[in-house]
Protein backbone atom coordinates (compact mmCIF):
# COMPACT_ATOMS: atom_id res chain seq x y z
CA MET A 1 -0.02 -0.04 -0.01
CA SER A 2 2.91 2.42 0.36
CA GLU A 3 3.13 3.41 -3.23
CA LYS A 4 4.70 6.88 -3.95
CA PRO A 5 2.41 9.13 -6.03
CA LYS A 6 3.75 10.01 -9.42
CA VAL A 7 4.77 13.64 -9.57
CA SER A 8 3.67 15.43 -12.70
CA LYS A 9 4.03 18.92 -14.10
CA GLY A 10 1.19 20.86 -12.18
CA GLY A 11 1.97 19.68 -8.63
CA LYS A 12 -1.06 17.41 -8.52
CA ALA A 13 0.86 15.03 -6.41
CA ALA A 14 0.27 16.97 -3.25
CA LYS A 15 -3.50 16.99 -3.78
CA SER A 16 -3.85 13.22 -4.35
CA SER A 17 -1.73 12.50 -1.29
CA THR A 18 -3.94 14.51 0.94
CA ALA A 19 -6.97 12.73 -0.55
CA GLU A 20 -5.34 9.49 0.05
CA THR A 21 -4.64 10.18 3.68
CA LYS A 22 -8.17 11.38 4.14
CA ALA A 23 -9.47 8.17 2.60
CA LYS A 24 -7.22 6.08 4.87
CA ALA A 25 -8.37 7.93 7.86
CA ALA A 26 -12.09 7.50 6.90
CA LYS A 27 -11.35 3.79 6.25
CA LYS A 28 -9.87 3.46 9.82
CA ALA A 29 -12.82 5.33 11.33
CA ALA A 30 -15.30 3.07 9.58
CA LEU A 31 -13.61 -0.09 10.67
CA LYS A 32 -12.54 0.82 14.23
CA GLY A 33 -14.95 3.63 15.16
CA THR A 34 -14.10 7.15 16.21
CA GLN A 35 -14.56 6.81 19.95
CA SER A 36 -11.92 5.03 21.84
CA HIS A 37 -13.47 5.34 25.32
CA LYS A 38 -17.20 5.46 25.57
CA SER A 39 -18.34 7.46 28.63
CA ARG A 40 -21.48 6.32 30.67
CA LYS A 41 -24.02 8.53 32.18
CA VAL A 42 -23.74 8.66 36.03
CA ARG A 43 -26.97 7.96 37.65
CA TYR A 44 -27.41 9.23 41.20
CA SER A 45 -30.77 7.65 41.88
CA VAL A 46 -32.17 4.08 41.21
CA THR A 47 -35.54 5.44 40.35
CA PHE A 48 -36.09 6.45 36.82
CA HIS A 49 -37.76 9.86 36.20
CA ARG A 50 -38.94 10.77 32.85
CA PRO A 51 -37.17 13.99 31.75
CA LYS A 52 -39.23 17.19 31.61
CA THR A 53 -39.29 18.20 28.05
CA LEU A 54 -40.16 21.60 26.47
CA ARG A 55 -43.91 22.36 26.63
CA LEU A 56 -44.78 25.43 24.42
CA PRO A 57 -47.78 27.57 25.19
CA ARG A 58 -50.77 27.29 22.79
CA ASN A 59 -50.44 29.69 19.82
CA PRO A 60 -53.72 29.22 17.90
CA ARG A 61 -53.82 30.18 14.22
CA TYR A 62 -57.57 31.19 14.38
CA PRO A 63 -59.94 31.83 17.24
CA ARG A 64 -62.12 28.83 17.94
CA LYS A 65 -65.21 30.93 18.58
CA SER A 66 -66.23 33.27 15.82
CA VAL A 67 -67.73 35.91 18.13
CA PRO A 68 -66.95 35.90 21.88
CA HIS A 69 -70.14 36.24 23.85
CA LEU A 70 -70.75 39.36 26.02
CA PRO A 71 -70.33 39.05 29.78
CA ARG A 72 -73.23 37.17 31.19
CA MET A 73 -73.48 39.17 34.34
CA ASP A 74 -73.58 42.86 33.40
CA GLN A 75 -74.66 45.80 35.69
CA PHE A 76 -78.27 45.62 34.39
CA ARG A 77 -78.53 41.85 35.25
CA THR A 78 -76.72 42.19 38.68
CA ILE A 79 -79.06 44.92 40.07
CA ARG A 80 -82.67 43.99 39.49
CA HIS A 81 -84.49 47.02 41.35
CA PRO A 82 -84.15 48.99 44.54
CA LEU A 83 -86.29 47.90 47.52
CA ASN A 84 -88.80 50.43 48.71
CA THR A 85 -90.28 48.92 51.79
CA GLU A 86 -90.62 50.81 55.11
CA SER A 87 -87.65 49.20 56.56
CA ALA A 88 -85.53 49.96 53.44
CA MET A 89 -86.73 53.61 53.61
CA LYS A 90 -85.73 53.78 57.26
CA LYS A 91 -82.25 52.43 56.38
CA ILE A 92 -81.91 55.10 53.77
CA GLU A 93 -82.89 57.84 56.20
CA ASP A 94 -81.17 56.66 59.30
CA HIS A 95 -78.04 54.77 58.26
CA ASN A 96 -77.35 56.27 54.75
CA THR A 97 -77.70 52.84 53.27
CA LEU A 98 -79.37 51.67 49.96
CA VAL A 99 -81.23 48.47 49.60
CA PHE A 100 -81.25 46.63 46.23
CA ILE A 101 -82.71 43.29 45.06
CA VAL A 102 -79.89 41.69 43.08
CA ASP A 103 -79.29 38.59 41.08
CA LEU A 104 -78.73 35.51 43.06
CA LYS A 105 -75.59 34.48 41.29
CA ALA A 106 -73.94 38.05 41.67
CA ASN A 107 -71.07 38.27 44.27
CA LYS A 108 -70.12 41.27 46.26
CA ARG A 109 -67.52 42.56 43.81
CA GLN A 110 -70.01 42.46 40.99
CA ILE A 111 -72.63 44.29 42.98
CA LYS A 112 -70.13 47.02 43.96
CA ASP A 113 -69.12 47.54 40.37
CA ALA A 114 -72.73 47.62 39.17
CA VAL A 115 -73.53 50.33 41.68
CA LYS A 116 -70.60 52.32 40.51
CA LYS A 117 -71.59 52.06 36.86
CA LEU A 118 -75.28 52.70 37.30
CA TYR A 119 -75.29 55.38 39.93
CA ASP A 120 -71.68 56.81 39.83
CA VAL A 121 -71.51 56.15 43.59
CA GLU A 122 -68.64 54.27 45.34
CA ALA A 123 -70.04 51.68 47.59
CA ALA A 124 -68.23 51.73 50.92
CA LYS A 125 -69.52 48.18 51.87
CA VAL A 126 -71.71 45.56 50.45
CA ASN A 127 -73.85 43.33 52.71
CA THR A 128 -75.78 40.43 51.14
CA LEU A 129 -78.91 38.60 52.39
CA ILE A 130 -80.62 35.73 50.50
CA ARG A 131 -84.46 36.15 50.84
């Protein structure tokens, strides 16, 4: 195998010798393999845990609903009507307190927002009573 390359006029012998050495190195790598010492992963626990892979957030190409519905509990549904019984009138006069009949599903925060939107009054406190 140790044949000397023939030297011709353009200096092509240098190119062929590098190609030959590359080919020999490739042959050696194919036969023997490139790794001399294979390293092993060190495991610190005997229990296998599945690796946590990348989970990308959803990025939808189009909305799944064509038209989003309006909020179901708006201020007009939250507050039904003011209560005008004698006891409610007494509360208005004596305690500076308004009494409303509201939707059963409305919470205190929704009632407070509804009073602000409808009457432009900041409610100090909301008391609820189911009747």
